[in-house]
Amino acid sequence: MRSMHPVSTLLLAGIWLGGLSACSPVLVNVQASKSAEGWGVTLGEVRAGPDEYVGPEVGLFAQDGEKFIWTVVTVKNELGQEETFSYDTCTLDGKGVSRQPMAVDRNLDVNATADRAEAIQPGQESVRRLIYSFPKEQWPTRMKCGTIVLPIPAPR
């Protein structure tokens, strides 16, 4: 009787490698932080793709000549009272390009949209994924949230 081990190993390796090929490269994985006007903003990660965002309430797909850039942003209310932060103030900028987020996501594990603005208690933080449409041939150079500007290094 022949062992099926080589076939099952090849099948599992193919599934595993196929899953890895669908993963998105991290462009930036640093903690760039700045504060202004009572808000602290940290850009923790920037990814290229995937080029679709599908959740229970929404389905977004990159248009021709565009790709999705996924960012992880932490916003902290540094004021002494509850304030509302609008994620639409966080633009992703590049050479001649400035884009507002297409989607604001509340869960880093499962796509689940969040409000584009939220009230944050004093001293509290909110972590969100912001998904942008961006020209395929460009990489973002900075994220700007109001007066806070966070540089994005070029991918390595």
Protein backbone atom coordinates (compact mmCIF):
# COMPACT_ATOMS: atom_id res chain seq x y z
CA MET A 1 0.00 0.00 0.00
CA ARG A 2 1.41 3.41 -1.04
CA SER A 3 1.42 6.34 1.32
CA MET A 4 -0.60 9.38 0.33
CA HIS A 5 1.68 11.54 2.43
CA PRO A 6 3.55 13.17 -0.52
CA VAL A 7 0.29 14.11 -2.24
CA SER A 8 -1.30 15.54 0.89
CA THR A 9 1.91 17.42 1.67
CA LEU A 10 1.94 18.92 -1.82
CA LEU A 11 -1.72 19.86 -1.51
CA LEU A 12 -1.22 21.54 1.85
CA ALA A 13 1.92 23.32 0.63
CA GLY A 14 0.00 24.61 -2.39
CA ILE A 15 -2.83 25.89 -0.25
CA TRP A 16 -0.37 27.50 2.16
CA LEU A 17 1.68 29.11 -0.63
CA GLY A 18 -1.45 30.22 -2.43
CA GLY A 19 -2.60 31.90 0.75
CA LEU A 20 0.75 33.62 1.14
CA SER A 21 0.65 34.96 -2.39
CA ALA A 22 -2.64 36.68 -1.57
CA CYS A 23 -1.05 38.50 1.38
CA SER A 24 -0.22 42.15 0.93
CA PRO A 25 3.29 43.49 1.32
CA VAL A 26 3.78 45.91 4.17
CA LEU A 27 5.03 49.21 2.85
CA VAL A 28 5.57 50.77 6.26
CA ASN A 29 5.52 49.14 9.66
CA VAL A 30 6.68 51.93 11.96
CA GLN A 31 5.12 54.01 14.69
CA ALA A 32 5.05 57.54 13.23
CA SER A 33 3.28 59.77 15.78
CA LYS A 34 2.52 63.45 16.17
CA SER A 35 0.15 65.59 18.24
CA ALA A 36 -1.65 68.86 17.49
CA GLU A 37 -4.83 70.64 18.50
CA GLY A 38 -5.63 68.11 21.22
CA TRP A 39 -5.25 64.99 19.07
CA GLY A 40 -2.47 62.44 18.91
CA VAL A 41 -2.28 60.44 15.68
CA THR A 42 -0.10 57.37 15.13
CA LEU A 43 0.35 55.70 11.77
CA GLY A 44 1.30 52.12 12.55
CA GLU A 45 1.16 50.33 9.22
CA VAL A 46 0.66 50.93 5.50
CA ARG A 47 -0.11 48.06 3.09
CA ALA A 48 -0.66 47.75 -0.62
CA GLY A 49 -3.86 45.76 -1.15
CA PRO A 50 -5.86 43.72 -1.27
CA ASP A 51 -7.70 45.70 -3.94
CA GLU A 52 -11.13 44.95 -2.57
CA TYR A 53 -12.91 45.67 0.68
CA VAL A 54 -15.97 43.52 1.31
CA GLY A 55 -17.89 43.58 4.57
CA PRO A 56 -21.46 43.03 5.73
CA GLU A 57 -22.51 46.55 4.74
CA VAL A 58 -20.26 47.38 1.79
CA GLY A 59 -18.31 46.06 -1.19
CA LEU A 60 -15.58 48.26 -2.68
CA PHE A 61 -13.27 47.32 -5.54
CA ALA A 62 -10.30 49.17 -7.01
CA GLN A 63 -11.01 50.82 -10.35
CA ASP A 64 -8.72 50.47 -13.39
CA GLY A 65 -5.37 52.17 -12.76
CA GLU A 66 -5.99 52.23 -8.99
CA LYS A 67 -4.99 50.07 -6.03
CA PHE A 68 -6.09 50.07 -2.41
CA ILE A 69 -3.74 51.28 0.30
CA TRP A 70 -4.64 49.99 3.79
CA THR A 71 -3.46 51.94 6.84
CA VAL A 72 -3.72 51.35 10.57
CA VAL A 73 -4.24 54.59 12.48
CA THR A 74 -4.55 55.22 16.21
CA VAL A 75 -6.21 58.45 17.28
CA LYS A 76 -5.98 59.66 20.90
CA ASN A 77 -8.06 62.42 22.46
CA GLU A 78 -5.55 64.49 24.43
CA LEU A 79 -8.13 67.07 25.52
CA GLY A 80 -9.98 67.17 28.84
CA GLN A 81 -13.40 66.55 27.30
CA GLU A 82 -15.11 64.27 24.79
CA GLU A 83 -14.43 65.37 21.23
CA THR A 84 -15.41 64.09 17.80
CA PHE A 85 -12.70 63.06 15.35
CA SER A 86 -13.44 62.89 11.62
CA TYR A 87 -11.43 60.31 9.70
CA ASP A 88 -12.23 62.20 6.50
CA THR A 89 -9.60 64.74 7.63
CA CYS A 90 -6.94 62.01 7.15
CA THR A 91 -5.80 62.25 3.55
CA LEU A 92 -3.23 60.04 1.92
CA ASP A 93 -0.98 62.15 -0.28
CA GLY A 94 1.46 61.45 -3.09
CA LYS A 95 2.84 63.24 -6.12
CA GLY A 96 -0.06 65.49 -7.14
CA VAL A 97 -2.58 63.18 -5.39
CA SER A 98 -4.58 63.65 -2.19
CA ARG A 99 -7.28 61.12 -1.27
CA GLN A 100 -9.75 60.76 1.57
CA PRO A 101 -10.44 57.25 2.88
CA MET A 102 -12.92 55.18 0.90
CA ALA A 103 -13.71 53.13 4.00
CA VAL A 104 -13.16 53.33 7.75
CA ASP A 105 -12.90 49.91 9.34
CA ARG A 106 -13.32 49.18 13.05
CA ASN A 107 -11.95 45.67 13.29
CA LEU A 108 -8.42 44.69 12.31
CA ASP A 109 -9.37 41.01 11.94
CA VAL A 110 -12.71 41.11 10.09
CA ASN A 111 -13.97 43.79 7.70
CA ALA A 112 -16.57 45.81 9.60
CA THR A 113 -17.19 49.42 8.68
CA ALA A 114 -17.16 52.15 11.29
CA ASP A 115 -18.57 55.67 11.30
CA ARG A 116 -16.47 58.22 9.44
CA ALA A 117 -16.46 60.35 12.61
CA GLU A 118 -16.62 59.24 16.22
CA ALA A 119 -16.74 60.73 19.70
CA ILE A 120 -13.68 59.82 21.74
CA GLN A 121 -13.49 60.26 25.50
CA PRO A 122 -10.61 62.23 27.07
CA GLY A 123 -7.42 60.17 27.23
CA GLN A 124 -8.95 57.36 25.16
CA GLU A 125 -7.68 55.91 21.89
CA SER A 126 -9.42 54.53 18.85
CA VAL A 127 -7.68 52.19 16.39
CA ARG A 128 -9.07 52.11 12.85
CA ARG A 129 -8.10 50.83 9.43
CA LEU A 130 -8.45 53.47 6.76
CA ILE A 131 -8.65 52.16 3.18
CA TYR A 132 -7.74 54.46 0.31
CA SER A 133 -7.87 54.22 -3.47
CA PHE A 134 -4.53 55.34 -4.89
CA PRO A 135 -2.90 55.38 -8.36
CA LYS A 136 -1.29 52.01 -9.15
CA GLU A 137 2.02 53.51 -10.23
CA GLN A 138 2.46 55.63 -7.09
CA TRP A 139 3.19 55.14 -3.40
CA PRO A 140 1.89 57.57 -0.79
CA THR A 141 4.46 59.94 0.70
CA ARG A 142 2.48 61.16 3.71
CA MET A 143 -0.72 60.97 5.70
CA LYS A 144 -2.21 64.28 6.76
CA CYS A 145 -4.89 64.43 9.49
CA GLY A 146 -5.86 68.07 9.85
CA THR A 147 -2.60 69.85 10.72
CA ILE A 148 -0.78 66.61 11.65
CA VAL A 149 1.53 65.37 8.89
CA LEU A 150 3.05 61.89 9.12
CA PRO A 151 5.68 60.99 6.50
CA ILE A 152 5.52 57.59 4.85
CA PRO A 153 8.94 56.22 3.87
CA ALA A 154 9.29 54.57 0.47
CA PRO A 155 8.93 50.77 0.44
CA ARG A 156 12.15 48.80 0.61
